[in-house]
Amino acid sequence: MVPTASAKAKISAFDNMALKIAIGDEVGAKLTNLLSNPLLQEAFTKHLHGKLSNVGIDTKSHHIFSNFIAWANNPAIYLPDQVESAIKQRKLAVERAKGEHVATALWVSATVIELPRLETPYPPCDKWIIEDSEIWGLWEAYITKHKQPDPRVRRRGLHTLDETQLQCNVAPDESVIIFDKDSGELIFAQLRNFCQVPAIVEWVNSVLKKNLSVQRNMENAGSIVISGFTAGLRARPSFDWARNFLNPSRHPQSKQEAMRYEAASVFAMFWNMVQKVCPSVVIDNFKRFMEQTGLISMDPKEFSEQGGSGYTVNYKGSNITFKGVDMAPPSGVFMQNYAQ
């Protein structure tokens, strides 16, 4: 690629000298390290000061390194492939860092625990776990005799918890990350204060309560409703948006669509936040599964007044719409006081 005459005309004395420095003195070959290493940046800045001063360019009142990066990002300027690649890598690193400072703070504040895998899992996986006799008395009749939503699922027995057999008991207000002691595999993470904007949390809770109040509950204890796409009934499989409104005739189609869009927006916001916080081993697993199966995202564009992919967040009464962003995986659930 050769710069056009107009591009050449835009190259100032600073541009000429910067280009010579970027290509010469082996700077171009080391530019990727230079852009990410503060010590090398300082050395390179001194190098630029010296070179520019030698040709009579005043550099005392300028931020030389910032000027160099701004010059290198000018689309009208021709750059060697090696230099252009390094600049692109730096831009990606800067964008990642904008979100990673929050993610890092969340992970650093969490307690890291390493545990060996038990030969026999505890508590047992196929039982309702009861912490004390009071809870047993409260739930026994409901669990053992109440009509089940799906009679094909066998009833589960009750098991009184023996805390002496637990390796770790995470409190509701703790931030904890648990790894397998032998393999190093990430097993579990609970991060408190995940969203640190109270107004957004309040909006999400309002959407949750609204959905729980008008949609069909799927299970016994507590409340859980599905949002987004589903595979339909076992007897009649059909991939479509969940149609689980209680008494749908009481809710106009416009109201149902507005609720679906709002619910999908909550999950989209959560998914984008999760991608900033969770390690790639977690996120990549979701993305790989969606690619391999050909599943589509929970994209509410058919319910959006603006049209096209995107989601809307309500912040203190004002709607903020995000376009051109990742939408959540196809299905999610809203839960309240739910146990399984």
Protein backbone atom coordinates (compact mmCIF):
# COMPACT_ATOMS: atom_id res chain seq x y z
CA MET A 1 0.00 0.00 0.00
CA VAL A 2 1.35 3.43 -1.02
CA PRO A 3 0.07 6.69 0.50
CA THR A 4 -1.93 8.94 -1.84
CA ALA A 5 -0.81 12.44 -2.73
CA SER A 6 -3.43 13.94 -0.41
CA ALA A 7 -2.28 11.75 2.44
CA LYS A 8 1.31 12.76 1.81
CA ALA A 9 0.31 16.38 1.95
CA LYS A 10 -1.09 15.91 5.44
CA ILE A 11 2.17 14.59 6.81
CA SER A 12 3.76 17.32 8.88
CA ALA A 13 7.32 17.60 10.08
CA PHE A 14 6.26 15.73 13.22
CA ASP A 15 4.62 13.01 11.10
CA ASN A 16 7.69 12.59 8.94
CA MET A 17 9.98 12.28 11.92
CA ALA A 18 7.59 9.93 13.78
CA LEU A 19 7.31 7.66 10.74
CA LYS A 20 11.09 7.54 10.35
CA ILE A 21 11.49 6.71 14.02
CA ALA A 22 8.74 4.05 13.91
CA ILE A 23 10.36 2.32 10.96
CA GLY A 24 13.98 2.93 11.82
CA ASP A 25 16.09 2.30 14.90
CA GLU A 26 14.37 -1.13 15.25
CA VAL A 27 11.47 0.64 16.97
CA GLY A 28 8.94 -0.86 14.57
CA ALA A 29 10.08 -4.38 15.39
CA LYS A 30 9.56 -3.77 19.12
CA LEU A 31 6.46 -1.57 18.96
CA THR A 32 4.03 -4.09 20.48
CA ASN A 33 6.12 -4.33 23.67
CA LEU A 34 6.66 -0.59 23.62
CA LEU A 35 2.93 0.17 23.65
CA SER A 36 2.23 -2.00 26.69
CA ASN A 37 5.31 -1.32 28.84
CA PRO A 38 5.44 2.00 30.76
CA LEU A 39 9.23 1.85 31.15
CA LEU A 40 9.73 1.37 27.42
CA GLN A 41 7.24 4.16 26.74
CA GLU A 42 9.29 6.52 28.89
CA ALA A 43 12.48 5.56 27.08
CA PHE A 44 10.78 5.95 23.69
CA THR A 45 9.44 9.38 24.71
CA LYS A 46 12.97 10.54 25.55
CA HIS A 47 14.10 9.12 22.19
CA LEU A 48 11.39 11.14 20.40
CA HIS A 49 12.29 14.32 22.32
CA GLY A 50 15.89 13.99 21.23
CA LYS A 51 15.13 13.23 17.57
CA LEU A 52 12.56 16.02 17.20
CA SER A 53 14.79 18.55 19.00
CA ASN A 54 17.61 17.75 16.57
CA VAL A 55 15.45 18.92 13.64
CA GLY A 56 14.23 22.06 15.45
CA ILE A 57 10.78 20.87 16.58
CA ASP A 58 9.76 22.20 20.01
CA THR A 59 8.51 19.30 22.18
CA LYS A 60 8.42 20.87 25.66
CA SER A 61 4.71 21.74 25.56
CA HIS A 62 3.53 18.51 23.94
CA HIS A 63 2.65 15.03 25.20
CA ILE A 64 4.92 13.28 22.77
CA PHE A 65 3.84 9.69 23.30
CA SER A 66 0.12 10.57 23.13
CA ASN A 67 0.77 12.59 19.96
CA PHE A 68 2.60 9.65 18.44
CA ILE A 69 -0.30 7.27 19.19
CA ALA A 70 -2.86 9.78 17.86
CA TRP A 71 -0.78 10.17 14.69
CA ALA A 72 -0.55 6.40 14.25
CA ASN A 73 -4.35 6.07 14.54
CA ASN A 74 -4.99 8.59 11.76
CA PRO A 75 -6.59 6.60 8.89
CA ALA A 76 -5.12 9.03 6.36
CA ILE A 77 -1.58 8.05 7.34
CA TYR A 78 0.16 5.11 5.73
CA LEU A 79 1.74 2.74 8.25
CA PRO A 80 3.88 -0.34 7.68
CA ASP A 81 1.93 -3.55 8.38
CA GLN A 82 4.08 -4.30 11.43
CA VAL A 83 3.35 -0.91 13.01
CA GLU A 84 -0.37 -0.97 12.11
CA SER A 85 -0.76 -4.42 13.71
CA ALA A 86 0.87 -3.22 16.93
CA ILE A 87 -1.41 -0.16 17.09
CA LYS A 88 -4.52 -2.34 16.69
CA GLN A 89 -3.34 -4.65 19.48
CA ARG A 90 -2.88 -1.66 21.77
CA LYS A 91 -6.40 -0.37 21.05
CA LEU A 92 -7.88 -3.78 21.91
CA ALA A 93 -5.87 -3.93 25.14
CA VAL A 94 -7.07 -0.46 26.16
CA GLU A 95 -10.73 -1.41 25.53
CA ARG A 96 -10.35 -4.59 27.58
CA ALA A 97 -8.73 -2.66 30.41
CA LYS A 98 -11.71 -0.29 30.67
CA GLY A 99 -13.90 -3.15 31.82
CA GLU A 100 -11.27 -5.26 33.51
CA HIS A 101 -10.58 -2.79 36.32
CA VAL A 102 -14.09 -3.48 37.68
CA ALA A 103 -13.77 -7.21 37.08
CA THR A 104 -10.38 -7.30 38.76
CA ALA A 105 -11.74 -5.48 41.82
CA LEU A 106 -14.57 -8.00 42.14
CA TRP A 107 -12.27 -11.00 41.84
CA VAL A 108 -9.57 -9.59 44.10
CA SER A 109 -12.12 -8.84 46.84
CA ALA A 110 -13.38 -12.46 46.80
CA THR A 111 -12.00 -15.16 49.08
CA VAL A 112 -10.21 -17.85 47.05
CA ILE A 113 -10.63 -21.40 48.36
CA GLU A 114 -9.06 -24.63 47.09
CA LEU A 115 -10.86 -27.87 47.95
CA PRO A 116 -10.18 -31.52 47.11
CA ARG A 117 -12.94 -33.44 45.37
CA LEU A 118 -14.89 -35.73 47.72
CA GLU A 119 -15.04 -39.42 46.89
CA THR A 120 -18.73 -39.38 47.81
CA PRO A 121 -20.63 -36.14 47.11
CA TYR A 122 -22.23 -34.44 50.10
CA PRO A 123 -24.99 -33.38 50.52
CA PRO A 124 -26.62 -36.10 48.37
CA CYS A 125 -27.67 -34.83 44.95
CA ASP A 126 -31.15 -36.38 44.80
CA LYS A 127 -32.58 -35.08 48.10
CA TRP A 128 -34.21 -31.95 49.47
CA ILE A 129 -31.72 -30.61 51.99
CA ILE A 130 -33.25 -29.56 55.32
CA GLU A 131 -31.13 -27.50 57.73
CA ASP A 132 -33.22 -27.95 60.89
CA SER A 133 -36.45 -29.45 62.29
CA GLU A 134 -38.36 -26.18 61.90
CA ILE A 135 -37.80 -26.17 58.14
CA TRP A 136 -38.62 -29.90 58.02
CA GLY A 137 -42.01 -29.27 59.64
CA LEU A 138 -42.70 -26.37 57.29
CA TRP A 139 -42.02 -28.22 54.03
CA GLU A 140 -42.49 -31.98 54.62
CA ALA A 141 -46.19 -32.20 53.74
CA TYR A 142 -45.80 -29.92 50.70
CA ILE A 143 -42.86 -31.86 49.25
CA THR A 144 -44.18 -35.34 49.95
CA LYS A 145 -47.91 -34.90 49.19
CA HIS A 146 -48.51 -31.73 47.16
CA LYS A 147 -49.49 -32.12 43.51
CA GLN A 148 -46.41 -31.98 41.30
CA PRO A 149 -46.27 -29.66 38.26
CA ASP A 150 -44.83 -32.56 36.23
CA PRO A 151 -45.99 -35.99 37.47
CA ARG A 152 -43.34 -37.71 35.34
CA VAL A 153 -40.63 -36.40 37.69
CA ARG A 154 -40.34 -38.65 40.73
CA ARG A 155 -40.57 -37.14 44.19
CA ARG A 156 -37.36 -36.47 46.08
CA GLY A 157 -36.85 -37.44 49.70
CA LEU A 158 -35.74 -35.11 52.50
CA HIS A 159 -32.28 -35.14 54.07
CA THR A 160 -31.21 -33.36 57.26
CA LEU A 161 -27.93 -31.55 56.73
CA ASP A 162 -24.87 -32.65 58.73
CA GLU A 163 -22.62 -29.59 58.67
CA THR A 164 -19.63 -31.59 59.97
CA GLN A 165 -19.46 -33.27 56.55
CA LEU A 166 -19.23 -29.99 54.66
CA GLN A 167 -15.83 -28.82 53.40
CA CYS A 168 -17.09 -25.25 52.97
CA ASN A 169 -20.27 -23.34 53.75
CA VAL A 170 -20.60 -20.03 51.87
CA ALA A 171 -22.70 -17.35 53.56
CA PRO A 172 -25.19 -15.33 51.47
CA ASP A 173 -23.17 -12.10 51.83
CA GLU A 174 -19.74 -13.58 51.01
CA SER A 175 -17.78 -13.29 47.76
CA VAL A 176 -16.03 -16.62 47.21
CA ILE A 177 -14.22 -18.37 44.36
CA ILE A 178 -13.64 -22.11 44.71
CA PHE A 179 -11.09 -24.12 42.72
CA ASP A 180 -10.41 -27.85 42.55
CA LYS A 181 -7.26 -28.28 44.66
CA ASP A 182 -5.79 -30.97 42.39
CA SER A 183 -6.74 -29.87 38.87
CA GLY A 184 -6.99 -26.10 39.42
CA GLU A 185 -10.39 -26.13 37.69
CA LEU A 186 -12.80 -23.32 38.55
CA ILE A 187 -15.72 -24.97 40.37
CA PHE A 188 -17.85 -22.19 41.83
CA ALA A 189 -17.98 -18.42 42.20
CA GLN A 190 -20.29 -16.16 44.20
CA LEU A 191 -19.66 -12.45 43.73
CA ARG A 192 -21.59 -9.97 45.84
CA ASN A 193 -22.26 -6.37 44.75
CA PHE A 194 -22.03 -7.57 41.16
CA CYS A 195 -23.99 -4.53 40.01
CA GLN A 196 -22.94 -1.49 42.02
CA VAL A 197 -25.63 0.87 40.73
CA PRO A 198 -28.66 0.73 43.08
CA ALA A 199 -31.02 2.27 40.51
CA ILE A 200 -30.23 -0.51 38.02
CA VAL A 201 -30.70 -3.21 40.68
CA GLU A 202 -34.07 -1.66 41.56
CA TRP A 203 -35.14 -1.75 37.89
CA VAL A 204 -34.06 -5.40 37.50
CA ASN A 205 -36.00 -6.39 40.62
CA SER A 206 -39.11 -4.65 39.30
CA VAL A 207 -38.87 -6.59 36.01
CA LEU A 208 -38.38 -9.84 37.94
CA LYS A 209 -41.45 -9.28 40.14
CA LYS A 210 -43.57 -8.28 37.15
CA ASN A 211 -42.70 -11.47 35.27
CA LEU A 212 -43.22 -13.72 38.30
CA SER A 213 -46.68 -12.23 38.88
CA VAL A 214 -48.12 -12.98 35.42
CA GLN A 215 -46.24 -16.04 34.13
CA ARG A 216 -46.57 -19.75 34.85
CA ASN A 217 -44.38 -21.15 37.63
CA MET A 218 -42.43 -24.25 36.58
CA GLU A 219 -41.66 -25.96 39.88
CA ASN A 220 -42.62 -26.61 43.51
CA ALA A 221 -40.79 -24.59 46.15
CA GLY A 222 -40.57 -20.87 45.48
CA SER A 223 -41.09 -19.23 42.08
CA ILE A 224 -39.30 -19.71 38.78
CA VAL A 225 -40.44 -18.64 35.30
CA ILE A 226 -38.66 -19.06 31.98
CA SER A 227 -37.89 -16.16 29.64
CA GLY A 228 -36.65 -16.08 26.07
CA PHE A 229 -36.73 -19.09 23.77
CA THR A 230 -37.76 -22.60 24.82
CA ALA A 231 -37.88 -26.03 23.17
CA GLY A 232 -41.58 -26.35 23.94
CA LEU A 233 -43.35 -29.24 25.60
CA ARG A 234 -41.81 -32.70 25.66
CA ALA A 235 -44.86 -34.04 23.84
CA ARG A 236 -44.84 -31.16 21.33
CA PRO A 237 -41.27 -29.84 20.79
CA SER A 238 -41.20 -26.39 19.20
CA PHE A 239 -38.40 -23.82 19.38
CA ASP A 240 -40.09 -20.49 19.98
CA TRP A 241 -40.37 -17.60 22.42
CA ALA A 242 -41.85 -18.80 25.74
CA ARG A 243 -45.63 -18.55 25.81
CA ASN A 244 -46.23 -18.87 29.52
CA PHE A 245 -48.53 -15.99 30.44
CA LEU A 246 -51.23 -16.86 32.95
CA ASN A 247 -54.61 -16.01 31.40
CA PRO A 248 -53.02 -14.55 28.23
CA SER A 249 -56.38 -13.15 27.10
CA ARG A 250 -56.14 -10.63 29.95
CA HIS A 251 -52.87 -9.25 28.61
CA PRO A 252 -52.95 -7.45 25.23
CA GLN A 253 -50.36 -8.56 22.69
CA SER A 254 -48.62 -5.19 22.97
CA LYS A 255 -48.19 -5.67 26.74
CA GLN A 256 -46.81 -9.19 26.28
CA GLU A 257 -44.31 -7.97 23.69
CA ALA A 258 -43.22 -5.07 25.90
CA MET A 259 -42.64 -7.45 28.82
CA ARG A 260 -40.66 -9.86 26.65
CA TYR A 261 -38.47 -7.05 25.36
CA GLU A 262 -37.91 -5.74 28.88
CA ALA A 263 -37.05 -9.22 30.21
CA ALA A 264 -34.64 -9.87 27.32
CA SER A 265 -33.01 -6.50 28.05
CA VAL A 266 -32.33 -7.54 31.65
CA PHE A 267 -30.61 -10.73 30.49
CA ALA A 268 -28.66 -8.89 27.77
CA MET A 269 -27.33 -6.37 30.28
CA PHE A 270 -26.42 -9.19 32.66
CA TRP A 271 -24.68 -11.15 29.88
CA ASN A 272 -22.55 -8.16 28.87
CA MET A 273 -21.60 -7.52 32.50
CA VAL A 274 -20.74 -11.19 33.00
CA GLN A 275 -18.41 -11.14 29.99
CA LYS A 276 -16.42 -8.36 31.66
CA VAL A 277 -16.14 -10.18 34.98
CA CYS A 278 -16.04 -13.94 34.40
CA PRO A 279 -12.88 -15.68 33.13
CA SER A 280 -12.79 -16.80 29.50
CA VAL A 281 -13.07 -20.47 30.53
CA VAL A 282 -16.67 -19.74 31.58
CA ILE A 283 -17.72 -17.40 28.78
CA ASP A 284 -16.08 -19.43 26.00
CA ASN A 285 -17.98 -22.52 27.13
CA PHE A 286 -21.31 -20.76 26.50
CA LYS A 287 -20.20 -19.30 23.17
CA ARG A 288 -18.75 -22.60 21.96
CA PHE A 289 -21.99 -24.44 22.81
CA MET A 290 -24.08 -21.88 20.91
CA GLU A 291 -21.81 -22.07 17.88
CA GLN A 292 -21.78 -25.88 17.83
CA THR A 293 -25.56 -26.17 18.19
CA GLY A 294 -26.48 -23.23 15.99
CA LEU A 295 -28.65 -21.66 18.72
CA ILE A 296 -29.62 -18.03 18.36
CA SER A 297 -29.37 -15.35 21.03
CA MET A 298 -32.24 -14.04 23.15
CA ASP A 299 -32.68 -11.18 20.70
CA PRO A 300 -35.89 -9.20 21.34
CA LYS A 301 -35.67 -7.19 18.10
CA GLU A 302 -39.15 -8.33 17.03
CA PHE A 303 -40.56 -6.64 20.15
CA SER A 304 -38.42 -3.50 20.00
CA GLU A 305 -39.97 -0.17 19.01
CA GLN A 306 -36.61 0.92 17.64
CA GLY A 307 -36.18 -2.25 15.58
CA GLY A 308 -32.93 -4.18 15.18
CA SER A 309 -30.78 -5.92 17.75
CA GLY A 310 -30.17 -4.19 21.05
CA TYR A 311 -31.55 -3.74 24.52
CA THR A 312 -32.87 -0.94 26.75
CA VAL A 313 -32.05 -0.22 30.40
CA ASN A 314 -34.20 2.00 32.60
CA TYR A 315 -32.03 4.23 34.79
CA LYS A 316 -33.93 6.46 37.23
CA GLY A 317 -36.90 6.67 34.88
CA SER A 318 -34.87 7.31 31.71
CA ASN A 319 -34.52 4.63 29.01
CA ILE A 320 -31.03 4.04 27.64
CA THR A 321 -30.79 1.85 24.52
CA PHE A 322 -27.63 -0.05 23.54
CA LYS A 323 -27.18 -1.05 19.90
CA GLY A 324 -24.71 -3.40 18.26
CA VAL A 325 -24.01 -5.39 21.45
CA ASP A 326 -23.98 -9.09 22.33
CA MET A 327 -27.37 -10.45 23.26
CA ALA A 328 -27.78 -13.09 25.98
CA PRO A 329 -27.90 -16.85 25.33
CA PRO A 330 -31.38 -17.94 24.15
CA SER A 331 -33.04 -18.79 27.46
CA GLY A 332 -33.00 -17.58 31.07
CA VAL A 333 -35.09 -17.78 34.23
CA PHE A 334 -36.39 -15.36 36.85
CA MET A 335 -36.43 -16.82 40.37
CA GLN A 336 -37.58 -15.81 43.86
CA ASN A 337 -37.12 -17.92 47.01
CA TYR A 338 -36.60 -20.90 44.73
CA ALA A 339 -35.19 -24.26 45.83
CA GLN A 340 -34.29 -27.30 43.72
